[in-house]
Amino acid sequence: MQLSQSQQIAFDKFKLGHNIFISGPGGHGKTHLINEFHKTGNVALCAMTGCAAGVLHKKARTIHSWSGIKLGKGSRSEIVADLSKSAIQNWKSAKILVIDEVSMLSADIFELLNHVSQTVRKNELPFGGIQLVFSGDFYQLPPFGSDCKFCFESPLWSTLFASDCHIELKENFRQTDPVFQRLLNNLRTGSLTQEDIQLLKCRMNCNPSVDLATAKLFPKKKTCRGD
């Protein structure tokens, strides 16, 4: 598959060695673009969860596992002292680090990863001089914990990612119906119009003629369990 215009802009920035943040709704080619990055050479692929890592690439790992920080608990000096040999080698050999689903990356863990990288690599540059590719959609899952800040709220963010390296992918590869695309985009941003609501209501079928074992979606686990 050829790269779209916005994907190509991101790829060109990547090839020039810039740190880049790639955003955009689902279906806009973030995963495909990351796999194109991976083909170029020494790229460590990580994600915030095991499920996200599995979707990203068969060799991808969670950032907590790859980096050796585990749950990120304890003082920074304790975490560095407890790093495994393999984690230390990961940091020392890394040229490019990709982290997917960064909406779930808290400011605290972001800054911890920076400290670990600088310490292990003995390099005071941000992230010890490693080129970074962050990917995700901040309209999706936030960091775990009610008092956690997003990674972009850390002062470190603007140090690493220049404004012209914030790249939003524009082309939708998953949906072709413009009406459905608009509906999904409005749902994503919480800005449904009355037209959108009526469109959803017209698709409701309260008395289906066929007895189907249909899937039911709920926003919370306790609702799924019937609590």
Protein backbone atom coordinates (compact mmCIF):
# COMPACT_ATOMS: atom_id res chain seq x y z
CA MET A 1 0.00 0.00 0.00
CA GLN A 2 1.33 3.42 -0.96
CA LEU A 3 1.62 6.08 1.71
CA SER A 4 -0.99 8.80 1.85
CA GLN A 5 0.04 12.45 1.71
CA SER A 6 0.05 12.88 5.50
CA GLN A 7 1.79 9.52 6.00
CA GLN A 8 4.50 10.59 3.56
CA ILE A 9 5.05 13.83 5.48
CA ALA A 10 5.54 11.79 8.66
CA PHE A 11 7.84 9.32 6.89
CA ASP A 12 10.00 12.13 5.50
CA LYS A 13 10.35 13.67 8.99
CA PHE A 14 11.25 10.23 10.33
CA LYS A 15 13.96 9.71 7.71
CA LEU A 16 15.46 13.09 8.60
CA GLY A 17 15.90 11.88 12.18
CA HIS A 18 13.22 14.02 13.82
CA ASN A 19 11.20 12.93 16.82
CA ILE A 20 7.60 12.72 15.64
CA PHE A 21 4.15 12.33 17.17
CA ILE A 22 1.58 10.68 14.89
CA SER A 23 -2.09 11.07 15.67
CA GLY A 24 -5.43 10.46 14.01
CA PRO A 25 -8.62 8.42 14.43
CA GLY A 26 -8.73 4.65 14.02
CA GLY A 27 -8.38 3.47 10.45
CA HIS A 28 -6.09 6.28 9.35
CA GLY A 29 -2.98 4.14 8.93
CA LYS A 30 -0.94 4.68 12.09
CA THR A 31 -0.04 1.00 12.45
CA HIS A 32 0.80 0.65 8.76
CA LEU A 33 3.10 3.66 8.94
CA ILE A 34 4.88 2.31 12.03
CA ASN A 35 5.53 -0.96 10.21
CA GLU A 36 7.05 1.05 7.35
CA PHE A 37 9.36 2.68 9.91
CA HIS A 38 10.28 -0.75 11.25
CA LYS A 39 11.43 -1.89 7.81
CA THR A 40 14.14 0.80 7.78
CA GLY A 41 16.35 -0.87 10.39
CA ASN A 42 17.10 -0.65 14.10
CA VAL A 43 13.66 0.27 15.44
CA ALA A 44 12.41 -0.89 18.85
CA LEU A 45 8.64 -1.38 18.68
CA CYS A 46 6.71 -0.89 21.92
CA ALA A 47 3.14 -0.20 23.01
CA MET A 48 1.42 0.61 26.27
CA THR A 49 -0.38 -2.75 26.61
CA GLY A 50 0.24 -6.33 25.56
CA CYS A 51 -2.85 -6.31 23.34
CA ALA A 52 -1.70 -3.16 21.55
CA ALA A 53 1.79 -4.62 21.11
CA GLY A 54 0.32 -7.78 19.57
CA VAL A 55 -1.67 -5.74 17.06
CA LEU A 56 1.33 -3.56 16.24
CA HIS A 57 3.84 -6.29 15.34
CA LYS A 58 4.78 -9.81 16.37
CA LYS A 59 8.09 -8.51 17.77
CA ALA A 60 6.58 -5.57 19.66
CA ARG A 61 6.66 -5.48 23.47
CA THR A 62 5.13 -3.35 26.17
CA ILE A 63 7.26 -0.34 27.01
CA HIS A 64 7.34 -1.43 30.66
CA SER A 65 8.85 -4.80 29.69
CA TRP A 66 11.28 -3.49 27.07
CA SER A 67 12.54 -0.64 29.25
CA GLY A 68 12.84 -2.75 32.41
CA ILE A 69 10.91 -0.28 34.58
CA LYS A 70 8.25 -2.90 35.43
CA LEU A 71 5.40 -1.02 37.15
CA GLY A 72 7.51 2.10 37.56
CA LYS A 73 7.19 1.98 41.36
CA GLY A 74 9.89 3.20 43.74
CA SER A 75 12.53 5.89 43.47
CA ARG A 76 14.27 6.53 40.18
CA SER A 77 17.58 5.32 41.57
CA GLU A 78 15.96 2.07 42.76
CA ILE A 79 14.35 1.48 39.38
CA VAL A 80 17.65 2.03 37.54
CA ALA A 81 19.51 -0.24 39.97
CA ASP A 82 16.92 -2.99 39.42
CA LEU A 83 17.16 -3.00 35.60
CA SER A 84 17.86 -6.38 34.03
CA LYS A 85 20.86 -6.92 31.77
CA SER A 86 18.56 -7.30 28.78
CA ALA A 87 16.80 -4.00 29.54
CA ILE A 88 20.14 -2.21 29.86
CA GLN A 89 21.18 -3.66 26.51
CA ASN A 90 17.88 -2.53 24.98
CA TRP A 91 18.56 1.04 26.03
CA LYS A 92 22.22 1.03 25.00
CA SER A 93 21.59 -0.41 21.53
CA ALA A 94 18.43 1.53 20.67
CA LYS A 95 18.60 4.00 17.81
CA ILE A 96 14.87 4.56 17.32
CA LEU A 97 12.10 3.89 19.85
CA VAL A 98 8.44 3.64 18.84
CA ILE A 99 5.72 3.78 21.51
CA ASP A 100 2.16 3.18 20.34
CA GLU A 101 -1.07 4.08 22.18
CA VAL A 102 0.65 6.94 24.00
CA SER A 103 -2.67 8.33 25.21
CA MET A 104 -2.14 5.82 28.06
CA LEU A 105 1.38 7.08 28.84
CA SER A 106 1.34 9.27 31.94
CA ALA A 107 3.60 12.28 32.39
CA ASP A 108 5.31 10.54 35.32
CA ILE A 109 6.19 7.38 33.36
CA PHE A 110 7.23 9.51 30.37
CA GLU A 111 9.69 11.43 32.55
CA LEU A 112 10.86 8.22 34.23
CA LEU A 113 11.67 6.64 30.86
CA ASN A 114 13.65 9.75 29.95
CA HIS A 115 15.65 9.54 33.20
CA VAL A 116 16.37 5.82 32.76
CA SER A 117 17.51 6.34 29.18
CA GLN A 118 19.80 9.25 30.06
CA THR A 119 21.29 7.32 32.99
CA VAL A 120 21.90 4.03 31.19
CA ARG A 121 23.26 5.68 28.04
CA LYS A 122 25.28 8.25 30.02
CA ASN A 123 23.88 10.91 27.71
CA GLU A 124 22.14 14.08 28.95
CA LEU A 125 20.21 14.62 25.74
CA PRO A 126 16.45 13.94 26.05
CA PHE A 127 15.96 10.17 26.03
CA GLY A 128 19.72 9.80 25.80
CA GLY A 129 19.69 10.86 22.15
CA ILE A 130 17.31 8.12 20.96
CA GLN A 131 14.99 9.14 18.11
CA LEU A 132 11.37 8.84 19.23
CA VAL A 133 8.17 8.01 17.36
CA PHE A 134 5.04 8.35 19.49
CA SER A 135 1.72 7.25 18.06
CA GLY A 136 -1.79 7.40 19.42
CA ASP A 137 -5.07 9.22 19.78
CA PHE A 138 -5.59 11.29 22.92
CA TYR A 139 -9.36 10.94 22.48
CA GLN A 140 -8.93 7.28 23.39
CA LEU A 141 -7.88 5.63 26.68
CA PRO A 142 -6.19 7.97 29.20
CA PRO A 143 -3.38 7.06 31.61
CA PHE A 144 -4.40 4.75 34.45
CA GLY A 145 -5.35 6.64 37.60
CA SER A 146 -7.67 9.57 38.21
CA ASP A 147 -4.86 12.00 39.06
CA CYS A 148 -2.49 11.07 36.22
CA LYS A 149 -1.49 13.70 33.68
CA PHE A 150 -1.16 12.99 29.96
CA CYS A 151 2.40 12.76 28.69
CA PHE A 152 1.93 15.91 26.58
CA GLU A 153 1.32 17.85 29.81
CA SER A 154 4.94 17.27 30.82
CA PRO A 155 7.43 20.08 29.97
CA LEU A 156 9.55 17.33 28.41
CA TRP A 157 7.02 16.92 25.60
CA SER A 158 7.73 20.26 23.92
CA THR A 159 11.46 19.65 24.32
CA LEU A 160 11.20 16.43 22.32
CA PHE A 161 8.45 17.12 19.80
CA ALA A 162 8.57 20.31 17.74
CA SER A 163 5.18 21.66 16.69
CA ASP A 164 5.81 20.83 13.03
CA CYS A 165 6.47 17.21 14.04
CA HIS A 166 2.95 16.76 15.41
CA ILE A 167 1.42 15.01 12.41
CA GLU A 168 -2.27 14.14 12.19
CA LEU A 169 -3.07 11.50 9.58
CA LYS A 170 -5.98 12.74 7.46
CA GLU A 171 -6.91 9.90 5.12
CA ASN A 172 -9.38 7.21 6.24
CA PHE A 173 -8.57 3.73 4.92
CA ARG A 174 -11.29 1.92 6.87
CA GLN A 175 -14.52 3.72 5.93
CA THR A 176 -15.53 5.09 2.54
CA ASP A 177 -19.02 6.42 3.35
CA PRO A 178 -18.62 10.16 4.08
CA VAL A 179 -21.76 10.24 6.24
CA PHE A 180 -20.49 7.38 8.41
CA GLN A 181 -17.04 9.00 8.57
CA ARG A 182 -18.56 12.25 9.83
CA LEU A 183 -20.61 10.38 12.43
CA LEU A 184 -17.55 8.51 13.72
CA ASN A 185 -15.46 11.69 13.88
CA ASN A 186 -18.18 13.49 15.83
CA LEU A 187 -18.51 10.54 18.21
CA ARG A 188 -14.73 10.61 18.72
CA THR A 189 -14.74 14.26 19.75
CA GLY A 190 -18.03 14.16 21.68
CA SER A 191 -19.66 16.64 19.32
CA LEU A 192 -22.69 14.76 17.97
CA THR A 193 -25.20 16.88 16.08
CA GLN A 194 -28.96 16.35 16.05
CA GLU A 195 -28.52 14.94 12.55
CA ASP A 196 -26.05 12.38 13.90
CA ILE A 197 -28.42 11.39 16.72
CA GLN A 198 -31.31 10.93 14.31
CA LEU A 199 -29.11 8.81 12.05
CA LEU A 200 -28.29 6.52 14.97
CA LYS A 201 -31.91 6.33 16.08
CA CYS A 202 -33.11 5.34 12.62
CA ARG A 203 -30.84 2.30 12.79
CA MET A 204 -32.46 1.01 15.98
CA ASN A 205 -34.52 -2.15 15.73
CA CYS A 206 -36.29 -2.80 19.02
CA ASN A 207 -38.26 -5.77 17.70
CA PRO A 208 -36.02 -7.79 15.39
CA SER A 209 -37.86 -10.44 13.42
CA VAL A 210 -34.92 -12.82 13.66
CA ASP A 211 -33.73 -14.19 17.00
CA LEU A 212 -30.01 -13.43 16.76
CA ALA A 213 -27.34 -13.91 19.41
CA THR A 214 -26.19 -10.33 18.98
CA ALA A 215 -23.29 -8.76 20.83
CA LYS A 216 -24.10 -6.13 23.42
CA LEU A 217 -21.73 -3.27 24.17
CA PHE A 218 -21.48 -1.60 27.58
CA PRO A 219 -19.17 1.19 28.77
CA LYS A 220 -18.37 -0.39 32.15
CA LYS A 221 -17.37 -3.86 33.34
CA LYS A 222 -19.92 -3.91 36.15
CA THR A 223 -22.73 -3.41 33.62
CA CYS A 224 -21.44 -6.36 31.60
CA ARG A 225 -21.48 -8.50 34.73
CA GLY A 226 -24.98 -7.38 35.59
CA ASP A 227 -23.94 -5.79 38.90
